[in-house]
Amino acid sequence: MTTMITTPATNPALAWDHSGNLSLGHRLDGAGHGWYDLADDVNVSSGVITGPKGSGKSTTVRALVATARASQAVPVTTLYTALGPFGGLANQLLNQIASVKVLDTAPDTAIGLLNDAAKTRTEILRERGLATLAGTELPILLAVVEGAAQVVGDRAHRWARLARHAKKLNIAVLATLEREDDPNLPAGQRALWRQLSETNRIQMRGHGIEAGTARIRDAAGHEYDTRMPNLTDGDPWLDTEIAPDDPLDPDTAAVFGDYYTAPASPRATGIWA
């Protein structure tokens, strides 16, 4: 069976293979795309992006989010915090792409909203007599947590429980932080990052002009190096060619209230295969 791959004409490093995998650019060994395993037949997959400041973490997550949105199946939540050194963080492109924006908010608000979304989706399963959301029309909700150590704070065990429960509810968590094994982090946080990286681990290597090379570990445990696409602020594909996502189910959208932005009407760009 041939796998269909959709590639934006203006940025061939980005792609979506229609079976739950998002491209992370081209592998350095010449073996094609490096893939992020967003979903399998049953559950979504969470992940962790680590690396020092300037190594390309934000660029990488923008590439993943843009490809996810372009698949027209993945609403995105961006979670930022006003605490610590990441105070006032505003990734303008993620903010633009996201259909649910939770910006500069308290950690309790961030986890509370995701927990409420999980509860409503649990109710939907119960009402339908289903064990998982696989095969339903409910879209994946990808929660991008930048400055994750500050957002999680001392609530690591709550986040861990939520992340485990959310997998079967089509809610994935993608966290960015400098070091998952930082000895200054509480032990509970280090355990949380290990849990989230069981499927996808993206370790950025280098900084400055060397930024953008990453060691990828996929769901099968394979590791390889990939060069991330160079997405600068104002990239025209992200700014003008992004396709709208499917709306959240009404119950989940109601949980997010004013944070939720209904998708715009589709724009015919002619760049999708």
Protein backbone atom coordinates (compact mmCIF):
# COMPACT_ATOMS: atom_id res chain seq x y z
CA MET A 1 0.00 0.00 0.00
CA THR A 2 1.33 3.43 -0.93
CA THR A 3 1.29 6.03 1.83
CA MET A 4 0.02 9.40 0.71
CA ILE A 5 2.25 12.27 1.85
CA THR A 6 1.08 15.88 1.67
CA THR A 7 3.90 18.39 1.27
CA PRO A 8 3.59 22.20 1.16
CA ALA A 9 5.08 23.41 -2.12
CA THR A 10 6.89 26.30 -0.44
CA ASN A 11 8.53 24.19 2.26
CA PRO A 12 9.15 20.57 1.20
CA ALA A 13 10.81 19.78 4.52
CA LEU A 14 7.36 19.81 6.12
CA ALA A 15 4.99 16.95 5.44
CA TRP A 16 2.15 14.87 6.85
CA ASP A 17 1.69 11.22 5.89
CA HIS A 18 -2.06 10.98 6.65
CA SER A 19 -1.54 8.21 9.19
CA GLY A 20 -0.57 10.27 12.22
CA ASN A 21 3.04 11.20 11.44
CA LEU A 22 4.36 14.76 11.12
CA SER A 23 7.65 15.53 9.40
CA LEU A 24 10.57 16.98 11.33
CA GLY A 25 12.61 17.77 8.25
CA HIS A 26 14.95 15.50 6.32
CA ARG A 27 17.17 12.86 7.92
CA LEU A 28 20.88 13.48 7.65
CA ASP A 29 21.49 9.88 6.53
CA GLY A 30 19.45 10.54 3.38
CA ALA A 31 16.71 8.09 4.35
CA GLY A 32 13.86 10.55 3.78
CA HIS A 33 11.77 12.40 6.33
CA GLY A 34 12.28 12.25 10.07
CA TRP A 35 8.85 11.67 11.58
CA TYR A 36 7.13 12.69 14.80
CA ASP A 37 4.56 10.01 15.70
CA LEU A 38 1.51 12.05 16.58
CA ALA A 39 -0.94 9.15 16.67
CA ASP A 40 -1.37 5.45 16.11
CA ASP A 41 -4.55 3.43 15.64
CA VAL A 42 -5.60 3.84 19.27
CA ASN A 43 -3.81 6.64 21.12
CA VAL A 44 -2.13 9.94 20.46
CA SER A 45 1.54 10.29 21.38
CA SER A 46 3.07 12.95 23.57
CA GLY A 47 6.68 14.11 23.42
CA VAL A 48 9.48 16.29 24.75
CA ILE A 49 11.80 18.71 22.93
CA THR A 50 14.96 19.50 24.88
CA GLY A 51 17.97 21.68 24.19
CA PRO A 52 19.83 24.79 25.34
CA LYS A 53 18.66 28.29 24.58
CA GLY A 54 19.08 29.04 20.89
CA SER A 55 19.20 25.39 19.83
CA GLY A 56 15.99 25.55 17.79
CA LYS A 57 13.32 24.22 20.18
CA SER A 58 10.76 26.90 19.27
CA THR A 59 11.46 26.55 15.54
CA THR A 60 10.97 22.80 15.81
CA VAL A 61 7.70 23.07 17.66
CA ARG A 62 6.46 25.65 15.14
CA ALA A 63 7.20 23.21 12.31
CA LEU A 64 5.29 20.44 14.08
CA VAL A 65 2.34 22.65 14.92
CA ALA A 66 2.14 24.13 11.43
CA THR A 67 2.14 20.67 9.86
CA ALA A 68 -0.42 19.46 12.38
CA ARG A 69 -2.74 22.36 11.61
CA ALA A 70 -2.26 21.90 7.88
CA SER A 71 -3.45 18.30 8.24
CA GLN A 72 -6.85 19.86 9.07
CA ALA A 73 -7.26 17.42 11.93
CA VAL A 74 -5.35 18.91 14.84
CA PRO A 75 -6.53 21.88 16.89
CA VAL A 76 -3.66 23.30 18.93
CA THR A 77 -3.49 24.67 22.46
CA THR A 78 -0.49 26.81 23.36
CA LEU A 79 0.26 27.01 27.06
CA TYR A 80 2.56 29.74 28.36
CA THR A 81 3.25 30.95 31.86
CA ALA A 82 3.96 34.37 33.35
CA LEU A 83 6.22 32.85 36.01
CA GLY A 84 10.01 32.70 36.13
CA PRO A 85 12.40 33.58 33.32
CA PHE A 86 9.78 32.74 30.69
CA GLY A 87 7.46 35.49 31.90
CA GLY A 88 5.71 37.30 29.06
CA LEU A 89 6.73 34.65 26.53
CA ALA A 90 4.83 35.20 23.29
CA ASN A 91 5.63 33.00 20.30
CA GLN A 92 3.70 35.03 17.75
CA LEU A 93 3.49 32.29 15.13
CA LEU A 94 2.23 29.68 17.60
CA ASN A 95 -0.21 32.25 18.89
CA GLN A 96 -1.47 32.84 15.36
CA ILE A 97 -1.74 29.16 14.48
CA ALA A 98 -3.36 27.99 17.70
CA SER A 99 -7.11 27.59 17.88
CA VAL A 100 -6.98 27.55 21.67
CA LYS A 101 -4.66 30.11 23.25
CA VAL A 102 -3.78 30.01 26.94
CA LEU A 103 -1.14 32.73 27.16
CA ASP A 104 0.70 34.17 30.17
CA THR A 105 -1.56 32.36 32.58
CA ALA A 106 -1.11 30.69 35.94
CA PRO A 107 -0.08 27.00 35.93
CA ASP A 108 -3.27 26.01 37.75
CA THR A 109 -5.31 27.54 34.95
CA ALA A 110 -3.38 25.67 32.28
CA ILE A 111 -3.68 22.23 33.83
CA GLY A 112 -7.22 22.94 34.97
CA LEU A 113 -8.40 23.68 31.45
CA LEU A 114 -6.79 20.56 30.01
CA ASN A 115 -8.17 18.47 32.85
CA ASP A 116 -11.67 19.84 32.19
CA ALA A 117 -11.29 19.07 28.48
CA ALA A 118 -10.33 15.50 29.36
CA LYS A 119 -13.38 15.19 31.61
CA THR A 120 -15.75 16.34 28.88
CA ARG A 121 -14.25 13.92 26.39
CA THR A 122 -14.57 11.12 28.96
CA GLU A 123 -18.27 11.96 29.20
CA ILE A 124 -18.56 11.80 25.41
CA LEU A 125 -17.03 8.31 25.45
CA ARG A 126 -19.37 7.22 28.22
CA GLU A 127 -22.41 8.51 26.36
CA ARG A 128 -21.37 6.67 23.20
CA GLY A 129 -20.36 3.49 24.99
CA LEU A 130 -16.84 3.63 23.55
CA ALA A 131 -13.46 2.71 25.04
CA THR A 132 -11.37 5.15 22.97
CA LEU A 133 -11.92 8.05 20.58
CA ALA A 134 -10.17 6.18 17.74
CA GLY A 135 -12.24 6.38 14.58
CA THR A 136 -14.50 9.13 15.90
CA GLU A 137 -14.76 12.59 14.37
CA LEU A 138 -13.24 14.23 17.46
CA PRO A 139 -9.97 15.88 16.44
CA ILE A 140 -6.65 15.53 18.22
CA LEU A 141 -5.92 18.32 20.67
CA LEU A 142 -2.17 19.05 20.73
CA ALA A 143 -1.13 20.98 23.85
CA VAL A 144 2.21 22.73 23.32
CA VAL A 145 3.75 23.69 26.66
CA GLU A 146 6.66 26.09 26.19
CA GLY A 147 8.75 26.84 29.24
CA ALA A 148 7.35 23.58 30.58
CA ALA A 149 9.38 23.48 33.79
CA GLN A 150 7.78 26.75 34.88
CA VAL A 151 4.27 25.77 33.77
CA VAL A 152 4.42 22.43 35.56
CA GLY A 153 6.02 23.80 38.72
CA ASP A 154 5.31 21.56 41.70
CA ARG A 155 2.33 19.94 39.98
CA ALA A 156 4.30 17.26 38.14
CA HIS A 157 2.25 14.36 39.51
CA ARG A 158 -1.00 16.02 38.40
CA TRP A 159 0.45 16.57 34.92
CA ALA A 160 1.64 12.95 34.77
CA ARG A 161 -1.81 11.60 35.66
CA LEU A 162 -3.44 13.91 33.12
CA ALA A 163 -0.99 12.96 30.35
CA ARG A 164 -1.57 9.23 30.88
CA HIS A 165 -5.34 9.66 30.93
CA ALA A 166 -5.41 12.03 27.97
CA LYS A 167 -3.75 9.64 25.50
CA LYS A 168 -6.96 7.72 24.86
CA LEU A 169 -8.89 10.99 24.67
CA ASN A 170 -6.94 12.32 21.66
CA ILE A 171 -5.10 14.90 23.80
CA ALA A 172 -1.32 14.99 23.31
CA VAL A 173 1.17 17.03 25.33
CA LEU A 174 4.32 18.40 23.68
CA ALA A 175 6.67 20.06 26.16
CA THR A 176 9.82 22.11 25.56
CA LEU A 177 12.51 22.55 28.20
CA GLU A 178 16.27 22.90 28.40
CA ARG A 179 17.16 19.63 30.19
CA GLU A 180 14.87 16.79 31.14
CA ASP A 181 17.50 15.46 33.56
CA ASP A 182 18.33 18.84 35.15
CA PRO A 183 19.34 18.02 38.75
CA ASN A 184 17.77 21.30 39.84
CA LEU A 185 14.35 20.08 38.75
CA PRO A 186 12.19 18.27 41.30
CA ALA A 187 12.28 14.48 40.97
CA GLY A 188 8.59 14.45 40.02
CA GLN A 189 9.30 16.68 37.04
CA ARG A 190 12.11 14.47 35.80
CA ALA A 191 9.76 11.49 35.98
CA LEU A 192 7.14 13.43 34.00
CA TRP A 193 9.60 14.25 31.19
CA ARG A 194 10.62 10.59 31.00
CA GLN A 195 6.97 9.64 30.70
CA LEU A 196 6.26 12.15 27.93
CA SER A 197 9.39 11.15 26.00
CA GLU A 198 8.57 7.42 25.98
CA THR A 199 7.20 7.79 22.44
CA ASN A 200 8.87 10.89 21.02
CA ARG A 201 12.10 12.46 22.18
CA ILE A 202 13.63 15.33 20.22
CA GLN A 203 17.03 16.40 21.55
CA MET A 204 18.27 19.60 19.93
CA ARG A 205 22.00 19.78 19.33
CA GLY A 206 24.12 22.92 19.00
CA HIS A 207 23.12 26.57 19.19
CA GLY A 208 23.33 29.73 17.13
CA ILE A 209 24.38 28.97 13.55
CA GLU A 210 24.58 25.28 14.46
CA ALA A 211 21.00 25.22 15.76
CA GLY A 212 18.39 23.03 14.13
CA THR A 213 20.05 19.59 14.17
CA ALA A 214 18.25 17.12 16.40
CA ARG A 215 18.58 13.52 17.54
CA ILE A 216 15.15 11.93 17.13
CA ARG A 217 13.87 8.84 18.91
CA ASP A 218 10.60 7.60 17.41
CA ALA A 219 7.89 5.30 18.71
CA ALA A 220 9.78 2.20 17.58
CA GLY A 221 12.88 3.28 19.51
CA HIS A 222 14.90 4.11 16.40
CA GLU A 223 17.27 7.06 16.68
CA TYR A 224 18.63 9.24 13.91
CA ASP A 225 19.74 12.80 13.24
CA THR A 226 17.52 15.25 11.40
CA ARG A 227 18.00 18.78 10.17
CA MET A 228 14.99 20.95 11.03
CA PRO A 229 13.57 23.28 8.39
CA ASN A 230 14.52 26.92 8.87
CA LEU A 231 11.29 28.68 9.78
CA THR A 232 11.92 32.33 10.52
CA ASP A 233 9.35 34.64 12.05
CA GLY A 234 7.00 35.76 9.33
CA ASP A 235 7.59 32.66 7.20
CA PRO A 236 5.09 33.09 4.34
CA TRP A 237 3.85 29.51 4.48
CA LEU A 238 3.02 29.79 8.17
CA ASP A 239 1.61 33.29 7.76
CA THR A 240 -0.57 32.88 4.70
CA GLU A 241 -0.90 29.28 3.59
CA ILE A 242 -1.94 27.51 6.77
CA ALA A 243 -5.15 25.53 6.41
CA PRO A 244 -7.82 25.83 9.12
CA ASP A 245 -8.29 22.93 11.48
CA ASP A 246 -11.49 21.07 12.18
CA PRO A 247 -13.34 22.64 15.10
CA LEU A 248 -13.20 21.12 18.54
CA ASP A 249 -16.20 19.13 19.60
CA PRO A 250 -18.70 21.62 21.09
CA ASP A 251 -18.38 20.27 24.63
CA THR A 252 -14.58 20.60 24.65
CA ALA A 253 -14.73 24.03 23.03
CA ALA A 254 -17.13 25.16 25.75
CA VAL A 255 -14.57 24.18 28.39
CA PHE A 256 -12.04 26.59 26.92
CA GLY A 257 -14.57 29.40 26.66
CA ASP A 258 -12.94 32.67 25.61
CA TYR A 259 -9.63 30.89 24.94
CA TYR A 260 -11.16 29.06 21.97
CA THR A 261 -11.00 30.65 18.51
CA ALA A 262 -13.24 29.00 15.94
CA PRO A 263 -11.37 28.19 12.72
CA ALA A 264 -11.79 30.48 9.76
CA SER A 265 -13.26 29.39 6.46
CA PRO A 266 -10.87 27.29 4.36
CA ARG A 267 -8.64 29.28 2.05
CA ALA A 268 -8.02 27.77 -1.37
CA THR A 269 -4.27 28.00 -1.93
CA GLY A 270 -3.71 25.14 -4.34
CA ILE A 271 -0.53 23.99 -2.60
CA TRP A 272 -1.88 20.79 -1.07
CA ALA A 273 -1.55 17.49 -2.92
